[in-house]
Amino acid sequence: RAIRTVEGLAAPDGTLNPLQRAFWENHGL
């Protein structure tokens, strides 16, 4: 089966996806 984990969210070059970027910019952690 196909599994996606948090490690698979960013682009291969490390660019954050919109959700990751929003967590960073809005202090979601």
PDB file of all heavy atoms in Angstrom:
ATOM      1  N   ARG A   1       0.836  -1.197   0.000  1.00  0.00           N
ATOM      2  CA  ARG A   1       0.000   0.000   0.000  1.00  0.00           C
ATOM      3  C   ARG A   1       0.875   1.252   0.000  1.00  0.00           C
ATOM      4  O   ARG A   1       2.056   1.207   0.331  1.00  0.00           O
ATOM      5  CB  ARG A   1      -0.929  -0.025   1.211  1.00  0.00           C
ATOM      6  CG  ARG A   1      -1.897  -1.223   1.101  1.00  0.00           C
ATOM      7  CD  ARG A   1      -2.779  -1.383   2.272  1.00  0.00           C
ATOM      8  NE  ARG A   1      -3.825  -0.358   2.272  1.00  0.00           N
ATOM      9  CZ  ARG A   1      -4.677  -0.219   3.281  1.00  0.00           C
ATOM     10  NH1 ARG A   1      -4.632  -1.009   4.334  1.00  0.00           N
ATOM     11  NH2 ARG A   1      -5.602   0.721   3.223  1.00  0.00           N
ATOM     12  N   ALA A   2       0.271   2.380  -0.357  1.00  0.00           N
ATOM     13  CA  ALA A   2       0.983   3.661  -0.432  1.00  0.00           C
ATOM     14  C   ALA A   2       0.806   4.423   0.873  1.00  0.00           C
ATOM     15  O   ALA A   2      -0.311   4.610   1.348  1.00  0.00           O
ATOM     16  CB  ALA A   2       0.458   4.490  -1.592  1.00  0.00           C
ATOM     17  N   ILE A   3       1.909   4.868   1.430  1.00  0.00           N
ATOM     18  CA  ILE A   3       1.917   5.590   2.699  1.00  0.00           C
ATOM     19  C   ILE A   3       2.584   6.942   2.480  1.00  0.00           C
ATOM     20  O   ILE A   3       3.604   7.033   1.798  1.00  0.00           O
ATOM     21  CB  ILE A   3       2.708   4.805   3.770  1.00  0.00           C
ATOM     22  CG1 ILE A   3       2.090   3.421   3.952  1.00  0.00           C
ATOM     23  CG2 ILE A   3       2.770   5.566   5.082  1.00  0.00           C
ATOM     24  CD1 ILE A   3       3.046   2.415   4.539  1.00  0.00           C
ATOM     25  N   ARG A   4       1.979   7.977   3.041  1.00  0.00           N
ATOM     26  CA  ARG A   4       2.609   9.299   3.048  1.00  0.00           C
ATOM     27  C   ARG A   4       2.840   9.701   4.488  1.00  0.00           C
ATOM     28  O   ARG A   4       1.941   9.607   5.324  1.00  0.00           O
ATOM     29  CB  ARG A   4       1.737  10.339   2.346  1.00  0.00           C
ATOM     30  CG  ARG A   4       1.785  10.189   0.832  1.00  0.00           C
ATOM     31  CD  ARG A   4       0.825  11.095   0.111  1.00  0.00           C
ATOM     32  NE  ARG A   4       1.040  12.507   0.380  1.00  0.00           N
ATOM     33  CZ  ARG A   4       0.112  13.435   0.168  1.00  0.00           C
ATOM     34  NH1 ARG A   4      -1.088  13.099  -0.299  1.00  0.00           N
ATOM     35  NH2 ARG A   4       0.362  14.687   0.400  1.00  0.00           N
ATOM     36  N   THR A   5       4.044  10.164   4.737  1.00  0.00           N
ATOM     37  CA  THR A   5       4.401  10.646   6.065  1.00  0.00           C
ATOM     38  C   THR A   5       4.787  12.115   5.957  1.00  0.00           C
ATOM     39  O   THR A   5       4.906  12.666   4.858  1.00  0.00           O
ATOM     40  CB  THR A   5       5.590   9.854   6.650  1.00  0.00           C
ATOM     41  OG1 THR A   5       6.773  10.171   5.908  1.00  0.00           O
ATOM     42  CG2 THR A   5       5.337   8.348   6.630  1.00  0.00           C
ATOM     43  N   VAL A   6       5.017  12.726   7.091  1.00  0.00           N
ATOM     44  CA  VAL A   6       5.382  14.143   7.109  1.00  0.00           C
ATOM     45  C   VAL A   6       6.653  14.404   6.308  1.00  0.00           C
ATOM     46  O   VAL A   6       6.805  15.475   5.718  1.00  0.00           O
ATOM     47  CB  VAL A   6       5.493  14.651   8.568  1.00  0.00           C
ATOM     48  CG1 VAL A   6       6.711  14.067   9.278  1.00  0.00           C
ATOM     49  CG2 VAL A   6       5.456  16.162   8.620  1.00  0.00           C
ATOM     50  N   GLU A   7       7.542  13.419   6.232  1.00  0.00           N
ATOM     51  CA  GLU A   7       8.772  13.609   5.468  1.00  0.00           C
ATOM     52  C   GLU A   7       8.492  13.788   3.977  1.00  0.00           C
ATOM     53  O   GLU A   7       9.322  14.324   3.254  1.00  0.00           O
ATOM     54  CB  GLU A   7       9.716  12.398   5.639  1.00  0.00           C
ATOM     55  CG  GLU A   7      10.363  12.306   7.004  1.00  0.00           C
ATOM     56  CD  GLU A   7       9.569  11.448   7.981  1.00  0.00           C
ATOM     57  OE1 GLU A   7       8.391  11.125   7.700  1.00  0.00           O
ATOM     58  OE2 GLU A   7      10.123  11.095   9.033  1.00  0.00           O
ATOM     59  N   GLY A   8       7.326  13.351   3.519  1.00  0.00           N
ATOM     60  CA  GLY A   8       6.990  13.444   2.109  1.00  0.00           C
ATOM     61  C   GLY A   8       6.234  14.700   1.712  1.00  0.00           C
ATOM     62  O   GLY A   8       5.836  14.831   0.554  1.00  0.00           O
ATOM     63  N   LEU A   9       6.032  15.628   2.640  1.00  0.00           N
ATOM     64  CA  LEU A   9       5.256  16.829   2.308  1.00  0.00           C
ATOM     65  C   LEU A   9       6.055  17.885   1.555  1.00  0.00           C
ATOM     66  O   LEU A   9       5.539  18.516   0.641  1.00  0.00           O
ATOM     67  CB  LEU A   9       4.658  17.446   3.573  1.00  0.00           C
ATOM     68  CG  LEU A   9       3.584  16.631   4.284  1.00  0.00           C
ATOM     69  CD1 LEU A   9       3.058  17.393   5.493  1.00  0.00           C
ATOM     70  CD2 LEU A   9       2.454  16.264   3.337  1.00  0.00           C
ATOM     71  N   ALA A  10       7.291  18.106   1.929  1.00  0.00           N
ATOM     72  CA  ALA A  10       8.099  19.135   1.272  1.00  0.00           C
ATOM     73  C   ALA A  10       8.531  18.664  -0.104  1.00  0.00           C
ATOM     74  O   ALA A  10       8.565  17.462  -0.391  1.00  0.00           O
ATOM     75  CB  ALA A  10       9.325  19.463   2.125  1.00  0.00           C
ATOM     76  N   ALA A  11       8.868  19.599  -0.959  1.00  0.00           N
ATOM     77  CA  ALA A  11       9.389  19.274  -2.283  1.00  0.00           C
ATOM     78  C   ALA A  11      10.764  18.607  -2.121  1.00  0.00           C
ATOM     79  O   ALA A  11      11.424  18.784  -1.095  1.00  0.00           O
ATOM     80  CB  ALA A  11       9.510  20.550  -3.112  1.00  0.00           C
ATOM     81  N   PRO A  12      11.211  17.858  -3.129  1.00  0.00           N
ATOM     82  CA  PRO A  12      12.521  17.198  -3.038  1.00  0.00           C
ATOM     83  C   PRO A  12      13.675  18.152  -2.736  1.00  0.00           C
ATOM     84  O   PRO A  12      14.650  17.764  -2.103  1.00  0.00           O
ATOM     85  CB  PRO A  12      12.694  16.544  -4.417  1.00  0.00           C
ATOM     86  CG  PRO A  12      11.298  16.309  -4.888  1.00  0.00           C
ATOM     87  CD  PRO A  12      10.497  17.475  -4.350  1.00  0.00           C
ATOM     88  N   ASP A  13      13.543  19.408  -3.150  1.00  0.00           N
ATOM     89  CA  ASP A  13      14.616  20.377  -2.866  1.00  0.00           C
ATOM     90  C   ASP A  13      14.493  20.998  -1.474  1.00  0.00           C
ATOM     91  O   ASP A  13      15.262  21.873  -1.108  1.00  0.00           O
ATOM     92  CB  ASP A  13      14.649  21.469  -3.936  1.00  0.00           C
ATOM     93  CG  ASP A  13      13.437  22.389  -3.897  1.00  0.00           C
ATOM     94  OD1 ASP A  13      12.529  22.190  -3.067  1.00  0.00           O
ATOM     95  OD2 ASP A  13      13.400  23.332  -4.722  1.00  0.00           O
ATOM     96  N   GLY A  14      13.493  20.546  -0.699  1.00  0.00           N
ATOM     97  CA  GLY A  14      13.318  21.046   0.660  1.00  0.00           C
ATOM     98  C   GLY A  14      12.354  22.207   0.791  1.00  0.00           C
ATOM     99  O   GLY A  14      12.095  22.673   1.900  1.00  0.00           O
ATOM    100  N   THR A  15      11.819  22.684  -0.327  1.00  0.00           N
ATOM    101  CA  THR A  15      10.853  23.776  -0.282  1.00  0.00           C
ATOM    102  C   THR A  15       9.600  23.307   0.442  1.00  0.00           C
ATOM    103  O   THR A  15       9.034  22.264   0.113  1.00  0.00           O
ATOM    104  CB  THR A  15      10.482  24.235  -1.713  1.00  0.00           C
ATOM    105  OG1 THR A  15      11.668  24.631  -2.388  1.00  0.00           O
ATOM    106  CG2 THR A  15       9.493  25.387  -1.671  1.00  0.00           C
ATOM    107  N   LEU A  16       9.177  24.078   1.432  1.00  0.00           N
ATOM    108  CA  LEU A  16       7.991  23.709   2.202  1.00  0.00           C
ATOM    109  C   LEU A  16       6.739  23.836   1.354  1.00  0.00           C
ATOM    110  O   LEU A  16       6.632  24.733   0.515  1.00  0.00           O
ATOM    111  CB  LEU A  16       7.862  24.607   3.432  1.00  0.00           C
ATOM    112  CG  LEU A  16       9.010  24.559   4.434  1.00  0.00           C
ATOM    113  CD1 LEU A  16       8.723  25.521   5.592  1.00  0.00           C
ATOM    114  CD2 LEU A  16       9.258  23.158   4.946  1.00  0.00           C
ATOM    115  N   ASN A  17       5.779  22.947   1.584  1.00  0.00           N
ATOM    116  CA  ASN A  17       4.506  23.081   0.892  1.00  0.00           C
ATOM    117  C   ASN A  17       3.678  24.170   1.588  1.00  0.00           C
ATOM    118  O   ASN A  17       4.073  24.662   2.653  1.00  0.00           O
ATOM    119  CB  ASN A  17       3.778  21.728   0.777  1.00  0.00           C
ATOM    120  CG  ASN A  17       3.105  21.264   2.046  1.00  0.00           C
ATOM    121  OD1 ASN A  17       2.969  21.992   3.031  1.00  0.00           O
ATOM    122  ND2 ASN A  17       2.663  20.023   2.044  1.00  0.00           N
ATOM    123  N   PRO A  18       2.551  24.598   1.016  1.00  0.00           N
ATOM    124  CA  PRO A  18       1.787  25.699   1.610  1.00  0.00           C
ATOM    125  C   PRO A  18       1.370  25.454   3.063  1.00  0.00           C
ATOM    126  O   PRO A  18       1.377  26.382   3.873  1.00  0.00           O
ATOM    127  CB  PRO A  18       0.564  25.818   0.700  1.00  0.00           C
ATOM    128  CG  PRO A  18       1.045  25.337  -0.625  1.00  0.00           C
ATOM    129  CD  PRO A  18       2.003  24.210  -0.301  1.00  0.00           C
ATOM    130  N   LEU A  19       1.032  24.227   3.402  1.00  0.00           N
ATOM    131  CA  LEU A  19       0.620  23.930   4.775  1.00  0.00           C
ATOM    132  C   LEU A  19       1.799  24.039   5.733  1.00  0.00           C
ATOM    133  O   LEU A  19       1.692  24.667   6.794  1.00  0.00           O
ATOM    134  CB  LEU A  19      -0.014  22.540   4.843  1.00  0.00           C
ATOM    135  CG  LEU A  19      -0.562  22.111   6.194  1.00  0.00           C
ATOM    136  CD1 LEU A  19      -1.658  23.068   6.675  1.00  0.00           C
ATOM    137  CD2 LEU A  19      -1.099  20.690   6.108  1.00  0.00           C
ATOM    138  N   GLN A  20       2.921  23.468   5.372  1.00  0.00           N
ATOM    139  CA  GLN A  20       4.110  23.575   6.219  1.00  0.00           C
ATOM    140  C   GLN A  20       4.522  25.031   6.393  1.00  0.00           C
ATOM    141  O   GLN A  20       4.867  25.464   7.501  1.00  0.00           O
ATOM    142  CB  GLN A  20       5.269  22.785   5.611  1.00  0.00           C
ATOM    143  CG  GLN A  20       5.085  21.295   5.632  1.00  0.00           C
ATOM    144  CD  GLN A  20       6.167  20.603   4.835  1.00  0.00           C
ATOM    145  OE1 GLN A  20       6.344  20.872   3.650  1.00  0.00           O
ATOM    146  NE2 GLN A  20       6.886  19.714   5.489  1.00  0.00           N
ATOM    147  N   ARG A  21       4.494  25.772   5.292  1.00  0.00           N
ATOM    148  CA  ARG A  21       4.858  27.195   5.342  1.00  0.00           C
ATOM    149  C   ARG A  21       3.903  27.963   6.246  1.00  0.00           C
ATOM    150  O   ARG A  21       4.316  28.816   7.037  1.00  0.00           O
ATOM    151  CB  ARG A  21       4.878  27.770   3.920  1.00  0.00           C
ATOM    152  CG  ARG A  21       5.558  29.096   3.813  1.00  0.00           C
ATOM    153  CD  ARG A  21       5.752  29.569   2.370  1.00  0.00           C
ATOM    154  NE  ARG A  21       4.525  29.568   1.585  1.00  0.00           N
ATOM    155  CZ  ARG A  21       4.229  28.672   0.646  1.00  0.00           C
ATOM    156  NH1 ARG A  21       5.067  27.692   0.369  1.00  0.00           N
ATOM    157  NH2 ARG A  21       3.098  28.749  -0.025  1.00  0.00           N
ATOM    158  N   ALA A  22       2.603  27.632   6.172  1.00  0.00           N
ATOM    159  CA  ALA A  22       1.614  28.312   7.018  1.00  0.00           C
ATOM    160  C   ALA A  22       1.853  28.001   8.496  1.00  0.00           C
ATOM    161  O   ALA A  22       1.691  28.885   9.341  1.00  0.00           O
ATOM    162  CB  ALA A  22       0.203  27.916   6.601  1.00  0.00           C
ATOM    163  N   PHE A  23       2.238  26.777   8.816  1.00  0.00           N
ATOM    164  CA  PHE A  23       2.567  26.442  10.210  1.00  0.00           C
ATOM    165  C   PHE A  23       3.751  27.273  10.671  1.00  0.00           C
ATOM    166  O   PHE A  23       3.761  27.788  11.790  1.00  0.00           O
ATOM    167  CB  PHE A  23       2.870  24.946  10.357  1.00  0.00           C
ATOM    168  CG  PHE A  23       1.697  24.131  10.830  1.00  0.00           C
ATOM    169  CD1 PHE A  23       0.612  23.904  10.001  1.00  0.00           C
ATOM    170  CD2 PHE A  23       1.677  23.581  12.097  1.00  0.00           C
ATOM    171  CE1 PHE A  23      -0.467  23.158  10.411  1.00  0.00           C
ATOM    172  CE2 PHE A  23       0.598  22.836  12.530  1.00  0.00           C
ATOM    173  CZ  PHE A  23      -0.479  22.618  11.694  1.00  0.00           C
ATOM    174  N   TRP A  24       4.749  27.419   9.817  1.00  0.00           N
ATOM    175  CA  TRP A  24       5.941  28.205  10.147  1.00  0.00           C
ATOM    176  C   TRP A  24       5.568  29.686  10.340  1.00  0.00           C
ATOM    177  O   TRP A  24       5.918  30.293  11.351  1.00  0.00           O
ATOM    178  CB  TRP A  24       6.963  28.047   9.026  1.00  0.00           C
ATOM    179  CG  TRP A  24       8.187  28.887   9.190  1.00  0.00           C
ATOM    180  CD1 TRP A  24       8.384  30.152   8.718  1.00  0.00           C
ATOM    181  CD2 TRP A  24       9.374  28.534   9.881  1.00  0.00           C
ATOM    182  NE1 TRP A  24       9.617  30.607   9.071  1.00  0.00           N
ATOM    183  CE2 TRP A  24      10.258  29.633   9.791  1.00  0.00           C
ATOM    184  CE3 TRP A  24       9.788  27.402  10.570  1.00  0.00           C
ATOM    185  CZ2 TRP A  24      11.524  29.613  10.351  1.00  0.00           C
ATOM    186  CZ3 TRP A  24      11.061  27.397  11.125  1.00  0.00           C
ATOM    187  CH2 TRP A  24      11.899  28.487  11.018  1.00  0.00           C
ATOM    188  N   GLU A  25       4.865  30.239   9.386  1.00  0.00           N
ATOM    189  CA  GLU A  25       4.550  31.667   9.409  1.00  0.00           C
ATOM    190  C   GLU A  25       3.556  32.044  10.494  1.00  0.00           C
ATOM    191  O   GLU A  25       3.558  33.183  10.965  1.00  0.00           O
ATOM    192  CB  GLU A  25       4.005  32.099   8.045  1.00  0.00           C
ATOM    193  CG  GLU A  25       5.049  32.048   6.949  1.00  0.00           C
ATOM    194  CD  GLU A  25       4.484  32.224   5.548  1.00  0.00           C
ATOM    195  OE1 GLU A  25       3.228  32.275   5.397  1.00  0.00           O
ATOM    196  OE2 GLU A  25       5.296  32.304   4.602  1.00  0.00           O
ATOM    197  N   ASN A  26       2.685  31.117  10.893  1.00  0.00           N
ATOM    198  CA  ASN A  26       1.650  31.416  11.888  1.00  0.00           C
ATOM    199  C   ASN A  26       1.926  30.794  13.250  1.00  0.00           C
ATOM    200  O   ASN A  26       1.031  30.719  14.080  1.00  0.00           O
ATOM    201  CB  ASN A  26       0.285  30.953  11.358  1.00  0.00           C
ATOM    202  CG  ASN A  26      -0.151  31.761  10.172  1.00  0.00           C
ATOM    203  OD1 ASN A  26      -0.598  32.886  10.317  1.00  0.00           O
ATOM    204  ND2 ASN A  26      -0.004  31.203   8.978  1.00  0.00           N
ATOM    205  N   HIS A  27       3.145  30.359  13.451  1.00  0.00           N
ATOM    206  CA  HIS A  27       3.561  29.797  14.747  1.00  0.00           C
ATOM    207  C   HIS A  27       2.629  28.673  15.185  1.00  0.00           C
ATOM    208  O   HIS A  27       2.182  28.632  16.326  1.00  0.00           O
ATOM    209  CB  HIS A  27       3.656  30.902  15.808  1.00  0.00           C
ATOM    210  CG  HIS A  27       4.433  32.081  15.357  1.00  0.00           C
ATOM    211  ND1 HIS A  27       5.799  32.077  15.249  1.00  0.00           N
ATOM    212  CD2 HIS A  27       4.016  33.303  14.927  1.00  0.00           C
ATOM    213  CE1 HIS A  27       6.213  33.248  14.789  1.00  0.00           C
ATOM    214  NE2 HIS A  27       5.160  34.016  14.583  1.00  0.00           N
ATOM    215  N   GLY A  28       2.359  27.739  14.266  1.00  0.00           N
ATOM    216  CA  GLY A  28       1.442  26.641  14.538  1.00  0.00           C
ATOM    217  C   GLY A  28       2.070  25.494  15.301  1.00  0.00           C
ATOM    218  O   GLY A  28       1.527  24.404  15.325  1.00  0.00           O
ATOM    219  N   LEU A  29       3.213  25.742  15.914  1.00  0.00           N
ATOM    220  CA  LEU A  29       3.855  24.697  16.703  1.00  0.00           C
ATOM    221  C   LEU A  29       4.634  25.335  17.839  1.00  0.00           C
ATOM    222  O   LEU A  29       5.006  26.497  17.775  1.00  0.00           O
ATOM    223  CB  LEU A  29       4.795  23.848  15.835  1.00  0.00           C
ATOM    224  CG  LEU A  29       5.903  24.622  15.122  1.00  0.00           C
ATOM    225  CD1 LEU A  29       7.231  24.407  15.796  1.00  0.00           C
ATOM    226  CD2 LEU A  29       5.948  24.205  13.675  1.00  0.00           C
TER     227      LEU A  29
END
